[in-house]
Amino acid sequence: MTTASQPRDPMIHEPSCRSFQNIMETVGRRWTSAILLAGQRGARRFGEYRLSVPGISDRLLAQRLKELEAEGLMVRTVIPTTPVQVRYELSPDGEELMRLLQPLVEWGHRRATAAAS
């Protein structure tokens, strides 16, 4: 058992650090967190994401959606209608990530509020 005054194990688990760094870099890319939040709030079609993330270009939105799909955080579904419909939604991992990020968001709000005081 460690206490606040006792140092923790100084050994760093390299694979865990790499995994953590990779997800933080993914989430930290410009527009990515806004896209994930839009998905969490119900955006499904490309145009809904574009409206939910003001200022993002179509090209960059398409690129970020592909990246998030490749990371397993978004699911892309093609509906074979005329015209073809494409829907994007958070995967179970994407939903879990958003839940896990919420305490970090709250921490950031507290820091910003304290700095403004």
N, C-alpha and C. Protein backbone atom coordinates (compact mmCIF):
# COMPACT_ATOMS: atom_id res chain seq x y z
N MET A 1 0.84 -1.18 0.00
CA MET A 1 0.00 0.00 0.00
C MET A 1 0.88 1.24 0.00
N THR A 2 0.58 2.20 -0.86
CA THR A 2 1.34 3.44 -0.89
C THR A 2 0.47 4.56 -0.35
N THR A 3 1.12 5.53 0.21
CA THR A 3 0.41 6.73 0.67
C THR A 3 0.86 7.88 -0.19
N ALA A 4 0.27 9.02 0.03
CA ALA A 4 0.60 10.19 -0.78
C ALA A 4 2.07 10.57 -0.65
N SER A 5 2.70 10.27 0.51
CA SER A 5 4.09 10.65 0.72
C SER A 5 5.07 9.59 0.22
N GLN A 6 4.60 8.38 -0.07
CA GLN A 6 5.47 7.32 -0.55
C GLN A 6 5.53 7.35 -2.07
N PRO A 7 6.73 7.20 -2.63
CA PRO A 7 6.82 7.18 -4.10
C PRO A 7 6.20 5.91 -4.66
N ARG A 8 5.65 6.04 -5.84
CA ARG A 8 5.09 4.88 -6.54
C ARG A 8 6.21 4.15 -7.25
N ASP A 9 5.89 2.98 -7.75
CA ASP A 9 6.84 2.19 -8.49
C ASP A 9 7.40 3.04 -9.64
N PRO A 10 8.72 3.24 -9.70
CA PRO A 10 9.29 4.12 -10.73
C PRO A 10 9.33 3.50 -12.12
N MET A 11 9.05 2.21 -12.23
CA MET A 11 9.09 1.55 -13.53
C MET A 11 7.87 1.94 -14.37
N ILE A 12 8.14 2.29 -15.60
CA ILE A 12 7.07 2.67 -16.52
C ILE A 12 6.82 1.49 -17.45
N HIS A 13 5.56 1.13 -17.60
CA HIS A 13 5.20 0.03 -18.49
C HIS A 13 5.10 0.59 -19.90
N GLU A 14 6.14 0.34 -20.69
CA GLU A 14 6.27 0.94 -22.01
C GLU A 14 5.07 0.72 -22.93
N PRO A 15 4.53 -0.51 -23.08
CA PRO A 15 3.37 -0.68 -23.97
C PRO A 15 2.15 0.14 -23.52
N SER A 16 1.95 0.25 -22.21
CA SER A 16 0.82 1.05 -21.71
C SER A 16 1.01 2.51 -22.05
N CYS A 17 2.23 3.00 -21.90
CA CYS A 17 2.50 4.40 -22.23
C CYS A 17 2.27 4.68 -23.70
N ARG A 18 2.73 3.77 -24.56
CA ARG A 18 2.52 3.95 -26.00
C ARG A 18 1.04 3.96 -26.35
N SER A 19 0.30 3.04 -25.75
CA SER A 19 -1.13 2.96 -26.00
C SER A 19 -1.83 4.25 -25.56
N PHE A 20 -1.48 4.73 -24.37
CA PHE A 20 -2.06 5.97 -23.85
C PHE A 20 -1.70 7.14 -24.76
N GLN A 21 -0.44 7.23 -25.15
CA GLN A 21 0.00 8.32 -26.02
C GLN A 21 -0.74 8.29 -27.35
N ASN A 22 -0.92 7.10 -27.92
CA ASN A 22 -1.62 7.00 -29.20
C ASN A 22 -3.05 7.51 -29.11
N ILE A 23 -3.78 7.12 -28.06
CA ILE A 23 -5.18 7.57 -27.97
C ILE A 23 -5.25 9.06 -27.67
N MET A 24 -4.31 9.58 -26.86
CA MET A 24 -4.31 11.02 -26.59
C MET A 24 -3.99 11.81 -27.85
N GLU A 25 -3.10 11.30 -28.68
CA GLU A 25 -2.80 11.98 -29.94
C GLU A 25 -4.01 11.94 -30.87
N THR A 26 -4.71 10.82 -30.89
CA THR A 26 -5.91 10.72 -31.73
C THR A 26 -6.95 11.73 -31.28
N VAL A 27 -7.27 11.73 -30.01
CA VAL A 27 -8.30 12.63 -29.47
C VAL A 27 -7.85 14.08 -29.56
N GLY A 28 -6.55 14.32 -29.46
CA GLY A 28 -6.04 15.68 -29.46
C GLY A 28 -5.91 16.31 -30.83
N ARG A 29 -6.10 15.55 -31.89
CA ARG A 29 -6.03 16.15 -33.23
C ARG A 29 -7.13 17.19 -33.38
N ARG A 30 -6.80 18.20 -34.13
CA ARG A 30 -7.77 19.28 -34.34
C ARG A 30 -9.08 18.72 -34.88
N TRP A 31 -10.18 19.12 -34.29
CA TRP A 31 -11.55 18.79 -34.65
C TRP A 31 -12.02 17.42 -34.17
N THR A 32 -11.12 16.53 -33.79
CA THR A 32 -11.51 15.16 -33.46
C THR A 32 -12.47 15.10 -32.29
N SER A 33 -12.15 15.80 -31.21
CA SER A 33 -13.04 15.73 -30.04
C SER A 33 -14.41 16.34 -30.36
N ALA A 34 -14.44 17.37 -31.19
CA ALA A 34 -15.72 17.97 -31.57
C ALA A 34 -16.55 16.99 -32.41
N ILE A 35 -15.89 16.23 -33.26
CA ILE A 35 -16.59 15.23 -34.07
C ILE A 35 -17.14 14.13 -33.18
N LEU A 36 -16.32 13.66 -32.23
CA LEU A 36 -16.80 12.63 -31.30
C LEU A 36 -17.98 13.14 -30.48
N LEU A 37 -17.90 14.39 -30.03
CA LEU A 37 -19.00 14.97 -29.26
C LEU A 37 -20.26 15.09 -30.11
N ALA A 38 -20.11 15.48 -31.37
CA ALA A 38 -21.27 15.56 -32.28
C ALA A 38 -21.91 14.19 -32.43
N GLY A 39 -21.10 13.15 -32.56
CA GLY A 39 -21.63 11.80 -32.66
C GLY A 39 -22.34 11.38 -31.39
N GLN A 40 -21.78 11.76 -30.26
CA GLN A 40 -22.42 11.43 -28.98
C GLN A 40 -23.76 12.15 -28.84
N ARG A 41 -23.86 13.33 -29.43
CA ARG A 41 -25.08 14.13 -29.34
C ARG A 41 -26.10 13.80 -30.43
N GLY A 42 -25.77 12.81 -31.29
CA GLY A 42 -26.78 12.34 -32.22
C GLY A 42 -26.54 12.57 -33.70
N ALA A 43 -25.44 13.23 -34.07
CA ALA A 43 -25.16 13.40 -35.51
C ALA A 43 -24.93 12.03 -36.13
N ARG A 44 -25.44 11.81 -37.32
CA ARG A 44 -25.27 10.54 -38.01
C ARG A 44 -24.82 10.72 -39.47
N ARG A 45 -25.36 11.72 -40.14
CA ARG A 45 -25.03 11.95 -41.55
C ARG A 45 -23.90 12.98 -41.64
N PHE A 46 -23.18 12.95 -42.75
CA PHE A 46 -22.04 13.85 -42.95
C PHE A 46 -22.45 15.31 -42.74
N GLY A 47 -23.58 15.69 -43.31
CA GLY A 47 -24.05 17.07 -43.18
C GLY A 47 -24.37 17.45 -41.75
N GLU A 48 -24.84 16.50 -40.96
CA GLU A 48 -25.13 16.77 -39.54
C GLU A 48 -23.83 17.03 -38.78
N TYR A 49 -22.79 16.25 -39.12
CA TYR A 49 -21.49 16.50 -38.48
C TYR A 49 -20.95 17.87 -38.88
N ARG A 50 -21.09 18.22 -40.16
CA ARG A 50 -20.60 19.51 -40.64
C ARG A 50 -21.30 20.66 -39.91
N LEU A 51 -22.61 20.55 -39.72
CA LEU A 51 -23.35 21.60 -39.01
C LEU A 51 -23.01 21.64 -37.53
N SER A 52 -22.68 20.48 -36.96
CA SER A 52 -22.37 20.41 -35.54
C SER A 52 -20.95 20.87 -35.22
N VAL A 53 -20.09 20.91 -36.23
CA VAL A 53 -18.69 21.30 -36.03
C VAL A 53 -18.40 22.49 -36.95
N PRO A 54 -18.85 23.68 -36.55
CA PRO A 54 -18.67 24.86 -37.41
C PRO A 54 -17.19 25.15 -37.67
N GLY A 55 -16.89 25.45 -38.91
CA GLY A 55 -15.54 25.82 -39.27
C GLY A 55 -14.72 24.71 -39.89
N ILE A 56 -15.16 23.46 -39.77
CA ILE A 56 -14.41 22.35 -40.35
C ILE A 56 -14.72 22.26 -41.84
N SER A 57 -13.68 21.97 -42.63
CA SER A 57 -13.89 21.80 -44.08
C SER A 57 -14.42 20.40 -44.35
N ASP A 58 -15.08 20.24 -45.48
CA ASP A 58 -15.58 18.92 -45.88
C ASP A 58 -14.44 17.92 -45.99
N ARG A 59 -13.32 18.36 -46.58
CA ARG A 59 -12.18 17.47 -46.76
C ARG A 59 -11.64 16.99 -45.41
N LEU A 60 -11.48 17.90 -44.47
CA LEU A 60 -10.93 17.52 -43.17
C LEU A 60 -11.92 16.68 -42.37
N LEU A 61 -13.20 16.98 -42.47
CA LEU A 61 -14.21 16.16 -41.80
C LEU A 61 -14.18 14.73 -42.33
N ALA A 62 -14.12 14.59 -43.64
CA ALA A 62 -14.05 13.25 -44.24
C ALA A 62 -12.80 12.51 -43.77
N GLN A 63 -11.69 13.22 -43.72
CA GLN A 63 -10.43 12.62 -43.27
C GLN A 63 -10.52 12.16 -41.81
N ARG A 64 -11.05 13.03 -40.94
CA ARG A 64 -11.16 12.67 -39.51
C ARG A 64 -12.13 11.51 -39.30
N LEU A 65 -13.24 11.49 -40.04
CA LEU A 65 -14.18 10.38 -39.90
C LEU A 65 -13.51 9.06 -40.31
N LYS A 66 -12.71 9.09 -41.37
CA LYS A 66 -11.98 7.88 -41.79
C LYS A 66 -10.99 7.45 -40.71
N GLU A 67 -10.28 8.41 -40.13
CA GLU A 67 -9.31 8.10 -39.08
C GLU A 67 -10.01 7.48 -37.86
N LEU A 68 -11.12 8.08 -37.47
CA LEU A 68 -11.85 7.57 -36.31
C LEU A 68 -12.41 6.18 -36.58
N GLU A 69 -12.83 5.94 -37.82
CA GLU A 69 -13.30 4.60 -38.19
C GLU A 69 -12.13 3.61 -38.12
N ALA A 70 -10.97 4.00 -38.63
CA ALA A 70 -9.79 3.13 -38.61
C ALA A 70 -9.34 2.83 -37.18
N GLU A 71 -9.54 3.78 -36.28
CA GLU A 71 -9.17 3.59 -34.87
C GLU A 71 -10.21 2.76 -34.11
N GLY A 72 -11.34 2.48 -34.77
CA GLY A 72 -12.39 1.71 -34.11
C GLY A 72 -13.28 2.53 -33.20
N LEU A 73 -13.24 3.86 -33.36
CA LEU A 73 -14.05 4.74 -32.51
C LEU A 73 -15.36 5.15 -33.17
N MET A 74 -15.44 4.99 -34.49
CA MET A 74 -16.66 5.29 -35.24
C MET A 74 -16.99 4.09 -36.10
N VAL A 75 -18.28 3.93 -36.38
CA VAL A 75 -18.75 2.89 -37.30
C VAL A 75 -19.39 3.59 -38.49
N ARG A 76 -18.97 3.19 -39.69
CA ARG A 76 -19.52 3.75 -40.93
C ARG A 76 -20.44 2.69 -41.53
N THR A 77 -21.68 3.10 -41.82
CA THR A 77 -22.66 2.19 -42.39
C THR A 77 -23.14 2.78 -43.71
N VAL A 78 -23.07 1.98 -44.76
CA VAL A 78 -23.56 2.40 -46.08
C VAL A 78 -24.92 1.76 -46.28
N ILE A 79 -25.92 2.60 -46.56
CA ILE A 79 -27.28 2.13 -46.80
C ILE A 79 -27.53 2.23 -48.30
N PRO A 80 -27.72 1.07 -48.95
CA PRO A 80 -27.83 1.05 -50.41
C PRO A 80 -29.19 1.54 -50.91
N THR A 81 -29.39 2.82 -50.83
CA THR A 81 -30.60 3.45 -51.36
C THR A 81 -30.19 4.33 -52.54
N THR A 82 -31.13 4.97 -53.14
CA THR A 82 -30.82 5.91 -54.20
C THR A 82 -31.25 7.30 -53.74
N PRO A 83 -30.36 8.22 -53.50
CA PRO A 83 -28.91 8.05 -53.51
C PRO A 83 -28.44 7.25 -52.28
N VAL A 84 -27.21 6.76 -52.36
CA VAL A 84 -26.63 5.99 -51.25
C VAL A 84 -26.54 6.87 -50.02
N GLN A 85 -26.90 6.32 -48.88
CA GLN A 85 -26.77 7.03 -47.60
C GLN A 85 -25.60 6.44 -46.83
N VAL A 86 -24.83 7.31 -46.22
CA VAL A 86 -23.73 6.88 -45.36
C VAL A 86 -23.98 7.47 -43.99
N ARG A 87 -23.91 6.61 -42.98
CA ARG A 87 -24.12 7.04 -41.59
C ARG A 87 -22.88 6.73 -40.77
N TYR A 88 -22.60 7.62 -39.85
CA TYR A 88 -21.48 7.45 -38.93
C TYR A 88 -22.03 7.53 -37.51
N GLU A 89 -21.57 6.63 -36.67
CA GLU A 89 -21.94 6.73 -35.27
C GLU A 89 -20.80 6.21 -34.42
N LEU A 90 -20.81 6.60 -33.16
CA LEU A 90 -19.77 6.13 -32.26
C LEU A 90 -19.87 4.62 -32.10
N SER A 91 -18.74 3.97 -32.10
CA SER A 91 -18.69 2.54 -31.81
C SER A 91 -18.81 2.38 -30.29
N PRO A 92 -18.97 1.17 -29.80
CA PRO A 92 -18.95 0.98 -28.34
C PRO A 92 -17.67 1.53 -27.71
N ASP A 93 -16.52 1.36 -28.37
CA ASP A 93 -15.27 1.93 -27.84
C ASP A 93 -15.31 3.46 -27.85
N GLY A 94 -15.90 4.03 -28.89
CA GLY A 94 -16.04 5.49 -28.95
C GLY A 94 -16.94 6.00 -27.84
N GLU A 95 -18.04 5.30 -27.58
CA GLU A 95 -18.94 5.67 -26.48
C GLU A 95 -18.20 5.59 -25.15
N GLU A 96 -17.45 4.51 -24.96
CA GLU A 96 -16.70 4.35 -23.71
C GLU A 96 -15.66 5.45 -23.55
N LEU A 97 -14.97 5.77 -24.64
CA LEU A 97 -13.97 6.84 -24.59
C LEU A 97 -14.61 8.15 -24.16
N MET A 98 -15.77 8.47 -24.71
CA MET A 98 -16.44 9.72 -24.35
C MET A 98 -16.82 9.73 -22.87
N ARG A 99 -17.28 8.59 -22.35
CA ARG A 99 -17.59 8.52 -20.90
C ARG A 99 -16.32 8.71 -20.07
N LEU A 100 -15.23 8.13 -20.51
CA LEU A 100 -13.98 8.23 -19.77
C LEU A 100 -13.37 9.63 -19.83
N LEU A 101 -13.63 10.35 -20.91
CA LEU A 101 -13.10 11.71 -21.05
C LEU A 101 -13.89 12.74 -20.24
N GLN A 102 -15.11 12.42 -19.85
CA GLN A 102 -15.95 13.38 -19.14
C GLN A 102 -15.29 13.95 -17.88
N PRO A 103 -14.66 13.14 -17.03
CA PRO A 103 -13.98 13.73 -15.86
C PRO A 103 -12.87 14.70 -16.26
N LEU A 104 -12.18 14.44 -17.37
CA LEU A 104 -11.14 15.34 -17.84
C LEU A 104 -11.76 16.67 -18.30
N VAL A 105 -12.90 16.58 -18.97
CA VAL A 105 -13.61 17.80 -19.40
C VAL A 105 -14.02 18.63 -18.18
N GLU A 106 -14.56 17.97 -17.18
CA GLU A 106 -14.97 18.66 -15.95
C GLU A 106 -13.78 19.29 -15.25
N TRP A 107 -12.65 18.59 -15.21
CA TRP A 107 -11.43 19.12 -14.61
C TRP A 107 -11.00 20.39 -15.36
N GLY A 108 -11.05 20.34 -16.69
CA GLY A 108 -10.68 21.51 -17.49
C GLY A 108 -11.59 22.70 -17.22
N HIS A 109 -12.90 22.44 -17.06
CA HIS A 109 -13.84 23.53 -16.75
C HIS A 109 -13.50 24.15 -15.39
N ARG A 110 -13.19 23.31 -14.40
CA ARG A 110 -12.84 23.83 -13.08
C ARG A 110 -11.58 24.69 -13.16
N ARG A 111 -10.59 24.25 -13.89
CA ARG A 111 -9.35 25.02 -14.03
C ARG A 111 -9.60 26.35 -14.74
N ALA A 112 -10.42 26.31 -15.79
CA ALA A 112 -10.70 27.54 -16.53
C ALA A 112 -11.47 28.52 -15.66
N THR A 113 -12.42 28.00 -14.88
CA THR A 113 -13.21 28.85 -13.99
C THR A 113 -12.32 29.47 -12.92
N ALA A 114 -11.42 28.67 -12.36
CA ALA A 114 -10.51 29.16 -11.31
C ALA A 114 -9.56 30.21 -11.88
N ALA A 115 -9.08 30.02 -13.10
CA ALA A 115 -8.16 30.97 -13.73
C ALA A 115 -8.85 32.29 -14.04
N ALA A 116 -10.15 32.22 -14.35
CA ALA A 116 -10.91 33.43 -14.68
C ALA A 116 -11.26 34.25 -13.44
N SER A 117 -11.21 33.61 -12.28
CA SER A 117 -11.59 34.30 -11.04
C SER A 117 -10.52 35.22 -10.54
